[in-house]
C-alpha atoms as a PDB file:
ATOM      1  CA  MET A   1     -77.947  65.191 -46.401  1.00  0.00           C
ATOM      2  CA  SER A   2     -74.608  66.810 -45.878  1.00  0.00           C
ATOM      3  CA  GLU A   3     -72.880  67.693 -42.568  1.00  0.00           C
ATOM      4  CA  LYS A   4     -73.443  71.288 -43.000  1.00  0.00           C
ATOM      5  CA  GLU A   5     -76.988  71.101 -43.903  1.00  0.00           C
ATOM      6  CA  LYS A   6     -77.490  69.297 -40.650  1.00  0.00           C
ATOM      7  CA  LYS A   7     -75.562  72.213 -38.690  1.00  0.00           C
ATOM      8  CA  ASP A   8     -78.540  74.236 -39.907  1.00  0.00           C
ATOM      9  CA  ILE A   9     -81.175  72.259 -38.937  1.00  0.00           C
ATOM     10  CA  PRO A  10     -82.967  72.882 -35.254  1.00  0.00           C
ATOM     11  CA  ALA A  11     -82.302  70.073 -33.070  1.00  0.00           C
ATOM     12  CA  GLU A  12     -85.791  69.218 -32.710  1.00  0.00           C
ATOM     13  CA  GLU A  13     -85.869  68.367 -36.402  1.00  0.00           C
ATOM     14  CA  VAL A  14     -83.152  66.087 -36.462  1.00  0.00           C
ATOM     15  CA  HIS A  15     -84.320  62.570 -36.534  1.00  0.00           C
ATOM     16  CA  THR A  16     -81.851  59.593 -36.137  1.00  0.00           C
ATOM     17  CA  GLU A  17     -82.512  55.900 -36.565  1.00  0.00           C
ATOM     18  CA  PRO A  18     -83.455  54.378 -33.188  1.00  0.00           C
ATOM     19  CA  ALA A  19     -81.373  51.413 -33.960  1.00  0.00           C
ATOM     20  CA  ALA A  20     -78.212  53.651 -33.958  1.00  0.00           C
ATOM     21  CA  GLU A  21     -79.210  55.047 -30.599  1.00  0.00           C
ATOM     22  CA  ALA A  22     -79.781  51.410 -29.091  1.00  0.00           C
ATOM     23  CA  ALA A  23     -76.253  50.449 -30.581  1.00  0.00           C
ATOM     24  CA  GLU A  24     -74.557  53.411 -29.053  1.00  0.00           C
ATOM     25  CA  ALA A  25     -76.080  53.285 -25.527  1.00  0.00           C
ATOM     26  CA  PRO A  26     -74.786  50.741 -23.265  1.00  0.00           C
ATOM     27  CA  GLN A  27     -77.087  47.855 -22.677  1.00  0.00           C
ATOM     28  CA  ALA A  28     -78.270  47.259 -19.088  1.00  0.00           C
ATOM     29  CA  GLU A  29     -77.773  43.919 -17.775  1.00  0.00           C
ATOM     30  CA  GLU A  30     -81.142  41.942 -17.334  1.00  0.00           C
ATOM     31  CA  THR A  31     -82.070  40.903 -13.672  1.00  0.00           C
ATOM     32  CA  PHE A  32     -83.936  37.918 -13.092  1.00  0.00           C
ATOM     33  CA  THR A  33     -85.757  36.689  -9.966  1.00  0.00           C
ATOM     34  CA  VAL A  34     -85.599  32.866  -9.291  1.00  0.00           C
ATOM     35  CA  THR A  35     -87.585  31.266  -6.702  1.00  0.00           C
ATOM     36  CA  ARG A  36     -85.626  29.020  -3.971  1.00  0.00           C
ATOM     37  CA  GLU A  37     -87.098  25.990  -5.797  1.00  0.00           C
ATOM     38  CA  GLN A  38     -85.462  26.828  -9.129  1.00  0.00           C
ATOM     39  CA  MET A  39     -82.206  27.921  -7.369  1.00  0.00           C
ATOM     40  CA  GLU A  40     -82.018  24.396  -5.551  1.00  0.00           C
ATOM     41  CA  LYS A  41     -82.762  22.734  -8.997  1.00  0.00           C
ATOM     42  CA  MET A  42     -79.842  24.908 -10.920  1.00  0.00           C
ATOM     43  CA  GLU A  43     -77.403  24.008  -8.119  1.00  0.00           C
ATOM     44  CA  GLN A  44     -78.355  20.499  -8.325  1.00  0.00           C
ATOM     45  CA  LEU A  45     -77.924  20.400 -12.252  1.00  0.00           C
ATOM     46  CA  ALA A  46     -74.558  22.372 -11.578  1.00  0.00           C
ATOM     47  CA  GLN A  47     -73.587  19.369  -9.135  1.00  0.00           C
ATOM     48  CA  MET A  48     -74.460  16.577 -11.572  1.00  0.00           C
ATOM     49  CA  VAL A  49     -72.529  18.400 -14.551  1.00  0.00           C
ATOM     50  CA  ALA A  50     -69.358  18.601 -12.192  1.00  0.00           C
ATOM     51  CA  GLU A  51     -70.037  14.814 -11.225  1.00  0.00           C
ATOM     52  CA  SER A  52     -70.497  13.755 -14.679  1.00  0.00           C
ATOM     53  CA  SER A  53     -67.439  15.843 -15.963  1.00  0.00           C
ATOM     54  CA  ASP A  54     -65.334  14.263 -13.038  1.00  0.00           C
ATOM     55  CA  LYS A  55     -66.502  10.832 -13.987  1.00  0.00           C
ATOM     56  CA  TYR A  56     -65.310  11.419 -17.550  1.00  0.00           C
ATOM     57  CA  LEU A  57     -62.124  12.717 -16.460  1.00  0.00           C
ATOM     58  CA  ARG A  58     -61.363   9.803 -14.548  1.00  0.00           C
ATOM     59  CA  LEU A  59     -62.588   7.292 -17.068  1.00  0.00           C
ATOM     60  CA  ALA A  60     -60.298   9.277 -19.645  1.00  0.00           C
ATOM     61  CA  ALA A  61     -57.139   8.722 -17.312  1.00  0.00           C
ATOM     62  CA  GLU A  62     -58.116   5.234 -16.438  1.00  0.00           C
ATOM     63  CA  TYR A  63     -58.205   4.383 -20.164  1.00  0.00           C
ATOM     64  CA  ASP A  64     -54.989   6.080 -20.899  1.00  0.00           C
ATOM     65  CA  ASN A  65     -53.391   4.191 -18.212  1.00  0.00           C
ATOM     66  CA  TYR A  66     -55.006   0.849 -19.622  1.00  0.00           C
ATOM     67  CA  ARG A  67     -53.645   1.667 -23.269  1.00  0.00           C
ATOM     68  CA  LYS A  68     -50.135   2.301 -21.759  1.00  0.00           C
ATOM     69  CA  ARG A  69     -50.068  -0.502 -19.674  1.00  0.00           C
ATOM     70  CA  THR A  70     -51.192  -2.975 -22.477  1.00  0.00           C
ATOM     71  CA  ALA A  71     -48.343  -1.694 -24.662  1.00  0.00           C
ATOM     72  CA  LYS A  72     -45.921  -1.946 -22.327  1.00  0.00           C
ATOM     73  CA  GLU A  73     -47.231  -5.547 -21.720  1.00  0.00           C
ATOM     74  CA  LYS A  74     -47.336  -6.261 -25.575  1.00  0.00           C
ATOM     75  CA  GLU A  75     -43.468  -4.737 -25.768  1.00  0.00           C
ATOM     76  CA  SER A  76     -42.517  -7.053 -22.933  1.00  0.00           C
ATOM     77  CA  LEU A  77     -43.939 -10.167 -24.239  1.00  0.00           C
ATOM     78  CA  TYR A  78     -42.529  -9.463 -27.715  1.00  0.00           C
ATOM     79  CA  GLY A  79     -38.969  -9.094 -26.033  1.00  0.00           C
ATOM     80  CA  SER A  80     -39.634 -12.164 -23.988  1.00  0.00           C
ATOM     81  CA  ALA A  81     -40.640 -14.177 -26.968  1.00  0.00           C
ATOM     82  CA  LYS A  82     -37.603 -13.188 -29.208  1.00  0.00           C
ATOM     83  CA  ALA A  83     -35.414 -13.949 -25.911  1.00  0.00           C
ATOM     84  CA  ASP A  84     -36.536 -17.260 -25.637  1.00  0.00           C
ATOM     85  CA  THR A  85     -36.189 -17.969 -29.448  1.00  0.00           C
ATOM     86  CA  VAL A  86     -32.643 -16.589 -29.378  1.00  0.00           C
ATOM     87  CA  LYS A  87     -31.288 -18.704 -26.292  1.00  0.00           C
ATOM     88  CA  PRO A  88     -31.094 -22.164 -27.878  1.00  0.00           C
ATOM     89  CA  PHE A  89     -28.942 -20.535 -30.935  1.00  0.00           C
ATOM     90  CA  LEU A  90     -26.384 -19.455 -28.269  1.00  0.00           C
ATOM     91  CA  ASP A  91     -25.712 -22.999 -27.951  1.00  0.00           C
ATOM     92  CA  VAL A  92     -25.115 -23.320 -31.775  1.00  0.00           C
ATOM     93  CA  TYR A  93     -22.682 -20.549 -31.865  1.00  0.00           C
ATOM     94  CA  ASP A  94     -20.481 -21.886 -28.908  1.00  0.00           C
ATOM     95  CA  ASN A  95     -20.350 -25.110 -30.992  1.00  0.00           C
ATOM     96  CA  LEU A  96     -19.415 -23.222 -34.152  1.00  0.00           C
ATOM     97  CA  LEU A  97     -16.465 -21.817 -32.144  1.00  0.00           C
ATOM     98  CA  ARG A  98     -15.443 -25.156 -30.642  1.00  0.00           C
ATOM     99  CA  GLY A  99     -15.685 -26.712 -34.147  1.00  0.00           C
ATOM    100  CA  ALA A 100     -13.404 -23.575 -35.567  1.00  0.00           C
ATOM    101  CA  ALA A 101     -10.746 -24.251 -32.681  1.00  0.00           C
ATOM    102  CA  GLN A 102     -10.139 -28.035 -33.659  1.00  0.00           C
ATOM    103  CA  TYR A 103      -8.575 -26.641 -37.031  1.00  0.00           C
ATOM    104  CA  ALA A 104      -5.110 -25.128 -37.359  1.00  0.00           C
ATOM    105  CA  GLU A 105      -4.851 -21.501 -38.102  1.00  0.00           C
ATOM    106  CA  GLY A 106      -5.164 -20.855 -41.882  1.00  0.00           C
ATOM    107  CA  ASP A 107      -6.924 -24.158 -42.622  1.00  0.00           C
ATOM    108  CA  PRO A 108     -10.040 -23.556 -44.950  1.00  0.00           C
ATOM    109  CA  ASN A 109     -12.378 -25.311 -42.747  1.00  0.00           C
ATOM    110  CA  ARG A 110     -11.366 -23.005 -39.759  1.00  0.00           C
ATOM    111  CA  THR A 111     -11.444 -20.027 -41.932  1.00  0.00           C
ATOM    112  CA  GLY A 112     -15.252 -21.114 -43.135  1.00  0.00           C
ATOM    113  CA  LEU A 113     -16.426 -21.658 -39.415  1.00  0.00           C
ATOM    114  CA  GLU A 114     -15.108 -18.277 -38.441  1.00  0.00           C
ATOM    115  CA  MET A 115     -16.942 -16.779 -41.297  1.00  0.00           C
ATOM    116  CA  ILE A 116     -19.952 -18.508 -40.120  1.00  0.00           C
ATOM    117  CA  CYS A 117     -19.486 -17.418 -36.778  1.00  0.00           C
ATOM    118  CA  LYS A 118     -18.889 -13.793 -37.755  1.00  0.00           C
ATOM    119  CA  GLN A 119     -22.243 -13.944 -39.795  1.00  0.00           C
ATOM    120  CA  PHE A 120     -23.934 -15.435 -36.811  1.00  0.00           C
ATOM    121  CA  VAL A 121     -23.094 -12.475 -34.567  1.00  0.00           C
ATOM    122  CA  ASP A 122     -24.085 -10.220 -37.299  1.00  0.00           C
ATOM    123  CA  VAL A 123     -27.811 -11.710 -37.199  1.00  0.00           C
ATOM    124  CA  LEU A 124     -27.515 -11.358 -33.300  1.00  0.00           C
ATOM    125  CA  ALA A 125     -26.870  -8.031 -33.407  1.00  0.00           C
ATOM    126  CA  LYS A 126     -29.573  -7.070 -35.789  1.00  0.00           C
ATOM    127  CA  LEU A 127     -31.949  -8.693 -33.471  1.00  0.00           C
ATOM    128  CA  GLY A 128     -30.621  -6.396 -30.631  1.00  0.00           C
ATOM    129  CA  VAL A 129     -28.445  -9.240 -29.002  1.00  0.00           C
ATOM    130  CA  THR A 130     -24.833  -8.115 -27.898  1.00  0.00           C
ATOM    131  CA  GLU A 131     -21.991 -10.091 -26.336  1.00  0.00           C
ATOM    132  CA  ILE A 132     -21.177  -9.325 -22.789  1.00  0.00           C
ATOM    133  CA  ASP A 133     -17.495  -7.823 -22.585  1.00  0.00           C
ATOM    134  CA  ALA A 134     -15.933  -9.439 -19.540  1.00  0.00           C
ATOM    135  CA  LEU A 135     -12.054 -10.314 -20.207  1.00  0.00           C
ATOM    136  CA  GLY A 136     -10.329  -7.805 -17.866  1.00  0.00           C
ATOM    137  CA  LYS A 137     -13.395  -6.191 -16.886  1.00  0.00           C
ATOM    138  CA  PRO A 138     -14.436  -5.979 -12.850  1.00  0.00           C
ATOM    139  CA  PHE A 139     -16.532  -8.945 -11.832  1.00  0.00           C
ATOM    140  CA  ASP A 140     -20.426  -7.926 -12.145  1.00  0.00           C
ATOM    141  CA  PRO A 141     -22.644 -10.433 -10.670  1.00  0.00           C
ATOM    142  CA  ALA A 142     -25.466  -8.912 -12.612  1.00  0.00           C
ATOM    143  CA  LEU A 143     -23.595 -10.050 -15.854  1.00  0.00           C
ATOM    144  CA  HIS A 144     -20.958 -12.735 -14.946  1.00  0.00           C
ATOM    145  CA  ASN A 145     -20.911 -15.961 -13.346  1.00  0.00           C
ATOM    146  CA  ALA A 146     -17.908 -16.962 -11.492  1.00  0.00           C
ATOM    147  CA  VAL A 147     -16.991 -20.502 -11.793  1.00  0.00           C
ATOM    148  CA  MET A 148     -13.358 -20.451 -10.738  1.00  0.00           C
ATOM    149  CA  HIS A 149     -11.160 -18.253  -8.465  1.00  0.00           C
ATOM    150  CA  VAL A 150      -7.413 -17.675  -8.720  1.00  0.00           C
ATOM    151  CA  GLU A 151      -5.079 -16.042  -6.443  1.00  0.00           C
ATOM    152  CA  ASP A 152      -2.795 -13.928  -8.507  1.00  0.00           C
ATOM    153  CA  GLU A 153      -1.075 -10.966  -7.024  1.00  0.00           C
ATOM    154  CA  GLU A 154       0.053  -9.162 -10.189  1.00  0.00           C
ATOM    155  CA  ILE A 155      -3.824  -8.629 -11.263  1.00  0.00           C
ATOM    156  CA  GLU A 156      -6.368  -6.201  -9.403  1.00  0.00           C
ATOM    157  CA  GLU A 157      -9.067  -7.943  -6.981  1.00  0.00           C
ATOM    158  CA  SER A 158     -12.275  -9.261  -8.573  1.00  0.00           C
ATOM    159  CA  THR A 159     -11.025  -8.883 -12.151  1.00  0.00           C
ATOM    160  CA  VAL A 160     -12.217 -11.468 -14.711  1.00  0.00           C
ATOM    161  CA  VAL A 161      -9.160 -13.155 -15.985  1.00  0.00           C
ATOM    162  CA  GLU A 162     -10.627 -15.854 -18.237  1.00  0.00           C
ATOM    163  CA  VAL A 163     -13.866 -16.608 -19.995  1.00  0.00           C
ATOM    164  CA  PHE A 164     -15.199 -19.926 -20.282  1.00  0.00           C
ATOM    165  CA  GLN A 165     -18.331 -19.196 -22.102  1.00  0.00           C
ATOM    166  CA  LYS A 166     -19.535 -15.865 -23.398  1.00  0.00           C
ATOM    167  CA  GLY A 167     -22.288 -14.152 -22.326  1.00  0.00           C
ATOM    168  CA  PHE A 168     -25.017 -12.239 -24.290  1.00  0.00           C
ATOM    169  CA  ILE A 169     -27.383  -9.400 -23.314  1.00  0.00           C
ATOM    170  CA  MET A 170     -30.328  -8.189 -25.357  1.00  0.00           C
ATOM    171  CA  GLY A 171     -31.166  -4.639 -24.383  1.00  0.00           C
ATOM    172  CA  ASP A 172     -31.250  -4.873 -20.715  1.00  0.00           C
ATOM    173  CA  LYS A 173     -32.046  -8.280 -20.210  1.00  0.00           C
ATOM    174  CA  VAL A 174     -29.055 -11.063 -19.694  1.00  0.00           C
ATOM    175  CA  LEU A 175     -30.004 -13.885 -22.020  1.00  0.00           C
ATOM    176  CA  ARG A 176     -26.964 -15.705 -20.546  1.00  0.00           C
ATOM    177  CA  PHE A 177     -24.411 -15.031 -18.005  1.00  0.00           C
ATOM    178  CA  ALA A 178     -20.795 -15.317 -18.792  1.00  0.00           C
ATOM    179  CA  MET A 179     -19.216 -18.077 -17.162  1.00  0.00           C
ATOM    180  CA  VAL A 180     -15.824 -16.540 -15.990  1.00  0.00           C
ATOM    181  CA  LYS A 181     -12.340 -17.206 -13.796  1.00  0.00           C
ATOM    182  CA  VAL A 182     -12.137 -14.142 -10.983  1.00  0.00           C
ATOM    183  CA  ALA A 183      -8.794 -13.290  -9.582  1.00  0.00           C
ATOM    184  CA  ASN A 184      -8.805 -12.641  -5.544  1.00  0.00           C
END
C-alpha cells in the first residue's frame, strides 16, 4: 500500500505489525524479587570472584617478578663467567707487552709482538673489555690501586703520574685495577 492509500483508510482499519510496535516502544526493565538467602549467596559468590581475581593478579605479578629476577641472575652469571675467563688472559697480555719492550724500536720481533698485542686488545674489545685510562687522570680508588706516591709541586694533587700495570673493566665491573703512582 502506498502512503496516499494509508491516509485514506480510517485509523481503526490500519493494522501494523506487533513486532514493529514492540521495537519502537521502550522496553521496561524487568524487576526480580530475591530472598535474603539468595542475596547472601550472590554476595558470597561476588566475594569469591573478587578473591580469586586478587589471587590471580598476585600470582601473575609474582611470576613476572620471578621471570625478571631469573633473567637478571642468568645475565649476571654469564657476565661473571665471562669475567672469570678473561682475567687469566690479562696476564698473558702483560707478558706480551714485556716481551715487545725487550726489543729495540723497529725490530721485526718487536713489530710482530706489537701486532699480536693489538689483535689481543681487539679481541678483548669484542668481549666488552676495555682498558682503564689512568695516566694523567685524577686518582679514583674504584678504578686504581695506588702502590706509590710521589711529591711533585708541578703536578696537581691526586693525579696519576705513572701506570705500572694496566687495568681493565668490563661493563661496570672492574676486572683488574690499574696499579699506579699518584702525585701528592
